[in-house]
N, C-alpha and C. Protein backbone atom coordinates (compact mmCIF):
# COMPACT_ATOMS: atom_id res chain seq x y z
N UNK A 1 -21.38 12.92 -18.66
CA UNK A 1 -22.09 12.72 -17.43
C UNK A 1 -23.11 11.51 -17.70
N UNK A 2 -23.09 10.58 -16.90
CA UNK A 2 -24.01 9.46 -17.23
C UNK A 2 -25.49 9.71 -17.01
N UNK A 3 -26.33 9.04 -17.80
CA UNK A 3 -27.77 9.36 -17.67
C UNK A 3 -28.45 8.16 -16.85
N UNK A 4 -27.91 6.93 -17.08
CA UNK A 4 -28.42 5.61 -16.54
C UNK A 4 -28.03 5.56 -14.96
N UNK A 5 -29.04 5.16 -14.32
CA UNK A 5 -28.82 5.08 -12.69
C UNK A 5 -27.67 4.30 -12.40
N UNK A 6 -27.54 3.08 -12.95
CA UNK A 6 -26.41 2.23 -12.65
C UNK A 6 -25.03 2.85 -12.99
N UNK A 7 -25.06 3.59 -14.06
CA UNK A 7 -23.67 4.22 -14.40
C UNK A 7 -23.51 5.29 -13.43
N UNK A 8 -24.47 6.11 -13.04
CA UNK A 8 -24.26 7.06 -11.91
C UNK A 8 -23.72 6.48 -10.65
N UNK A 9 -24.33 5.32 -10.29
CA UNK A 9 -23.84 4.65 -9.07
C UNK A 9 -22.46 4.21 -9.26
N UNK A 10 -22.01 3.60 -10.32
CA UNK A 10 -20.70 3.19 -10.63
C UNK A 10 -19.68 4.33 -10.58
N UNK A 11 -20.14 5.47 -11.04
CA UNK A 11 -19.25 6.64 -11.00
C UNK A 11 -19.03 7.10 -9.51
N UNK A 12 -20.03 7.09 -8.75
CA UNK A 12 -19.88 7.36 -7.32
C UNK A 12 -19.03 6.36 -6.67
N UNK A 13 -19.20 5.10 -6.94
CA UNK A 13 -18.36 4.14 -6.28
C UNK A 13 -16.86 4.22 -6.69
N UNK A 14 -16.63 4.45 -8.05
CA UNK A 14 -15.23 4.62 -8.47
C UNK A 14 -14.58 5.83 -7.88
N UNK A 15 -15.35 6.85 -7.69
CA UNK A 15 -14.77 8.06 -7.20
C UNK A 15 -14.33 7.85 -5.75
N UNK A 16 -15.23 7.15 -4.85
CA UNK A 16 -14.84 6.95 -3.48
C UNK A 16 -13.69 5.93 -3.42
N UNK A 17 -13.74 4.99 -4.40
CA UNK A 17 -12.65 3.99 -4.32
C UNK A 17 -11.30 4.63 -4.59
N UNK A 18 -11.30 5.63 -5.49
CA UNK A 18 -10.11 6.28 -5.95
C UNK A 18 -9.58 7.06 -4.77
N UNK A 19 -10.43 7.75 -4.02
CA UNK A 19 -9.99 8.54 -2.87
C UNK A 19 -9.38 7.51 -1.82
N UNK A 20 -10.04 6.48 -1.63
CA UNK A 20 -9.60 5.46 -0.61
C UNK A 20 -8.23 4.90 -0.99
N UNK A 21 -8.21 4.49 -2.20
CA UNK A 21 -6.91 3.94 -2.74
C UNK A 21 -5.67 4.80 -2.62
N UNK A 22 -6.01 6.15 -3.02
CA UNK A 22 -5.03 7.19 -2.97
C UNK A 22 -4.36 7.30 -1.56
N UNK A 23 -5.41 7.36 -0.64
CA UNK A 23 -4.96 7.46 0.83
C UNK A 23 -4.17 6.33 1.35
N UNK A 24 -4.57 5.15 0.91
CA UNK A 24 -3.89 3.88 1.36
C UNK A 24 -2.54 3.78 0.78
N UNK A 25 -2.41 4.13 -0.51
CA UNK A 25 -1.17 4.06 -1.29
C UNK A 25 -0.22 5.06 -0.60
N UNK A 26 -0.66 6.19 -0.28
CA UNK A 26 0.17 7.23 0.34
C UNK A 26 0.71 6.73 1.63
N UNK A 27 -0.19 6.22 2.52
CA UNK A 27 0.23 5.62 3.84
C UNK A 27 1.21 4.54 3.63
N UNK A 28 1.08 3.68 2.64
CA UNK A 28 2.00 2.62 2.34
C UNK A 28 3.36 3.11 2.02
N UNK A 29 3.36 4.10 1.06
CA UNK A 29 4.69 4.65 0.72
C UNK A 29 5.40 5.35 1.83
N UNK A 30 4.61 5.99 2.68
CA UNK A 30 5.28 6.69 3.85
C UNK A 30 5.83 5.69 4.76
N UNK A 31 5.08 4.58 5.06
CA UNK A 31 5.58 3.47 5.91
C UNK A 31 6.83 2.84 5.40
N UNK A 32 6.87 2.71 4.03
CA UNK A 32 8.08 2.07 3.36
C UNK A 32 9.32 2.96 3.53
N UNK A 33 9.13 4.27 3.34
CA UNK A 33 10.14 5.22 3.45
C UNK A 33 10.68 5.14 4.86
N UNK A 34 9.87 5.15 5.94
CA UNK A 34 10.32 5.15 7.26
C UNK A 34 11.14 3.78 7.62
N UNK A 35 10.54 2.73 6.98
CA UNK A 35 11.13 1.35 7.34
C UNK A 35 12.47 1.25 6.57
N UNK A 36 12.65 1.93 5.46
CA UNK A 36 13.89 1.73 4.74
C UNK A 36 15.07 2.72 5.29
N UNK A 37 14.67 3.56 6.19
CA UNK A 37 15.73 4.54 6.64
C UNK A 37 16.63 3.70 7.66
N UNK A 38 17.90 4.08 7.70
CA UNK A 38 18.89 3.30 8.52
C UNK A 38 18.49 3.23 10.03
N UNK A 39 17.86 4.29 10.48
CA UNK A 39 17.47 4.33 11.84
C UNK A 39 16.04 3.80 12.21
N UNK A 40 15.61 2.97 11.28
CA UNK A 40 14.16 2.46 11.44
C UNK A 40 14.12 1.36 12.53
N UNK A 41 12.98 1.50 13.38
CA UNK A 41 12.86 0.54 14.34
C UNK A 41 12.23 -0.76 13.86
N UNK A 42 12.20 -1.75 14.61
CA UNK A 42 11.62 -3.13 14.29
C UNK A 42 10.09 -2.97 14.09
N UNK A 43 9.46 -2.06 14.93
CA UNK A 43 8.12 -1.82 14.86
C UNK A 43 7.71 -1.12 13.52
N UNK A 44 8.46 -0.24 13.11
CA UNK A 44 8.17 0.49 11.84
C UNK A 44 8.31 -0.58 10.73
N UNK A 45 9.30 -1.46 10.77
CA UNK A 45 9.44 -2.50 9.74
C UNK A 45 8.24 -3.37 9.74
N UNK A 46 7.79 -3.84 10.89
CA UNK A 46 6.65 -4.70 11.03
C UNK A 46 5.36 -4.02 10.45
N UNK A 47 5.21 -2.83 10.75
CA UNK A 47 4.03 -2.09 10.26
C UNK A 47 4.08 -1.93 8.73
N UNK A 48 5.24 -1.68 8.14
CA UNK A 48 5.38 -1.59 6.73
C UNK A 48 5.01 -2.94 6.07
N UNK A 49 5.53 -4.07 6.67
CA UNK A 49 5.28 -5.36 6.15
C UNK A 49 3.73 -5.68 6.23
N UNK A 50 3.14 -5.32 7.31
CA UNK A 50 1.65 -5.45 7.43
C UNK A 50 0.94 -4.70 6.38
N UNK A 51 1.19 -3.46 6.17
CA UNK A 51 0.56 -2.57 5.22
C UNK A 51 0.84 -3.23 3.78
N UNK A 52 2.01 -3.64 3.52
CA UNK A 52 2.23 -4.34 2.19
C UNK A 52 1.41 -5.56 2.00
N UNK A 53 1.31 -6.36 3.08
CA UNK A 53 0.59 -7.68 2.88
C UNK A 53 -0.98 -7.36 2.59
N UNK A 54 -1.47 -6.33 3.42
CA UNK A 54 -2.91 -5.85 3.18
C UNK A 54 -3.07 -5.29 1.77
N UNK A 55 -2.17 -4.49 1.39
CA UNK A 55 -2.32 -3.91 0.05
C UNK A 55 -2.26 -4.90 -1.14
N UNK A 56 -1.41 -5.87 -0.94
CA UNK A 56 -1.38 -6.96 -1.99
C UNK A 56 -2.70 -7.71 -1.96
N UNK A 57 -3.11 -8.04 -0.66
CA UNK A 57 -4.32 -8.92 -0.67
C UNK A 57 -5.61 -8.07 -1.20
N UNK A 58 -5.60 -6.86 -1.02
CA UNK A 58 -6.78 -6.03 -1.39
C UNK A 58 -6.66 -5.61 -2.99
N UNK A 59 -5.45 -5.87 -3.48
CA UNK A 59 -5.19 -5.55 -4.94
C UNK A 59 -4.71 -4.16 -5.24
N UNK A 60 -4.29 -3.47 -4.16
CA UNK A 60 -3.85 -2.09 -4.23
C UNK A 60 -2.37 -2.13 -5.01
N UNK A 61 -1.67 -3.12 -4.72
CA UNK A 61 -0.39 -3.27 -5.35
C UNK A 61 -0.24 -4.71 -5.70
N UNK A 62 0.55 -5.09 -6.67
CA UNK A 62 0.76 -6.45 -7.20
C UNK A 62 1.42 -7.29 -6.12
N UNK A 63 1.07 -8.56 -5.94
CA UNK A 63 1.67 -9.43 -4.88
C UNK A 63 3.16 -9.48 -5.12
N UNK A 64 3.69 -9.49 -6.28
CA UNK A 64 5.14 -9.62 -6.46
C UNK A 64 5.90 -8.33 -6.08
N UNK A 65 5.23 -7.17 -6.21
CA UNK A 65 5.82 -5.97 -5.75
C UNK A 65 5.95 -6.01 -4.17
N UNK A 66 4.89 -6.48 -3.60
CA UNK A 66 4.91 -6.60 -2.06
C UNK A 66 6.00 -7.53 -1.64
N UNK A 67 6.13 -8.72 -2.27
CA UNK A 67 7.13 -9.65 -1.93
C UNK A 67 8.54 -9.21 -2.14
N UNK A 68 8.68 -8.48 -3.24
CA UNK A 68 9.99 -7.83 -3.54
C UNK A 68 10.40 -6.74 -2.41
N UNK A 69 9.45 -5.93 -2.12
CA UNK A 69 9.70 -4.95 -1.11
C UNK A 69 10.00 -5.50 0.24
N UNK A 70 9.29 -6.56 0.60
CA UNK A 70 9.49 -7.24 1.93
C UNK A 70 10.84 -7.83 1.92
N UNK A 71 11.23 -8.53 0.86
CA UNK A 71 12.50 -9.09 0.75
C UNK A 71 13.72 -8.08 0.84
N UNK A 72 13.46 -6.95 0.17
CA UNK A 72 14.44 -5.86 0.16
C UNK A 72 14.58 -5.31 1.64
N UNK A 73 13.58 -5.16 2.36
CA UNK A 73 13.60 -4.65 3.70
C UNK A 73 14.28 -5.61 4.62
N UNK A 74 14.01 -6.93 4.52
CA UNK A 74 14.69 -7.96 5.29
C UNK A 74 16.10 -8.00 5.02
N UNK A 75 16.48 -7.85 3.79
CA UNK A 75 17.91 -7.90 3.45
C UNK A 75 18.62 -6.63 4.07
N UNK A 76 18.03 -5.51 3.97
CA UNK A 76 18.55 -4.18 4.59
C UNK A 76 18.61 -4.32 6.12
N UNK A 77 17.69 -5.06 6.77
CA UNK A 77 17.61 -5.18 8.21
C UNK A 77 18.81 -6.12 8.57
N UNK A 78 19.04 -7.20 7.86
CA UNK A 78 20.13 -8.13 8.18
C UNK A 78 21.51 -7.48 7.99
N UNK A 79 21.58 -6.63 7.04
CA UNK A 79 22.93 -5.98 6.66
C UNK A 79 23.32 -4.94 7.70
N UNK A 80 22.27 -4.28 8.44
CA UNK A 80 22.49 -3.16 9.32
C UNK A 80 22.83 -3.73 10.76
């Protein structure tokens, strides 16, 4: 347990960031699963792309992972 005030503050910040990141990552994964299903609508795919872009911009996921997933979804949408 930290004794210094700034360390205590950093601990609080990291704890809240962890909770926020976990929720956003979970929402992203759920959206990706829905978008990858064969009966996915265009709206679901658009939402998944939007979440991926935001997650990459905010540093939640790597930008190449986002690009790869978007490419994969576009390929699947064209094939279907």
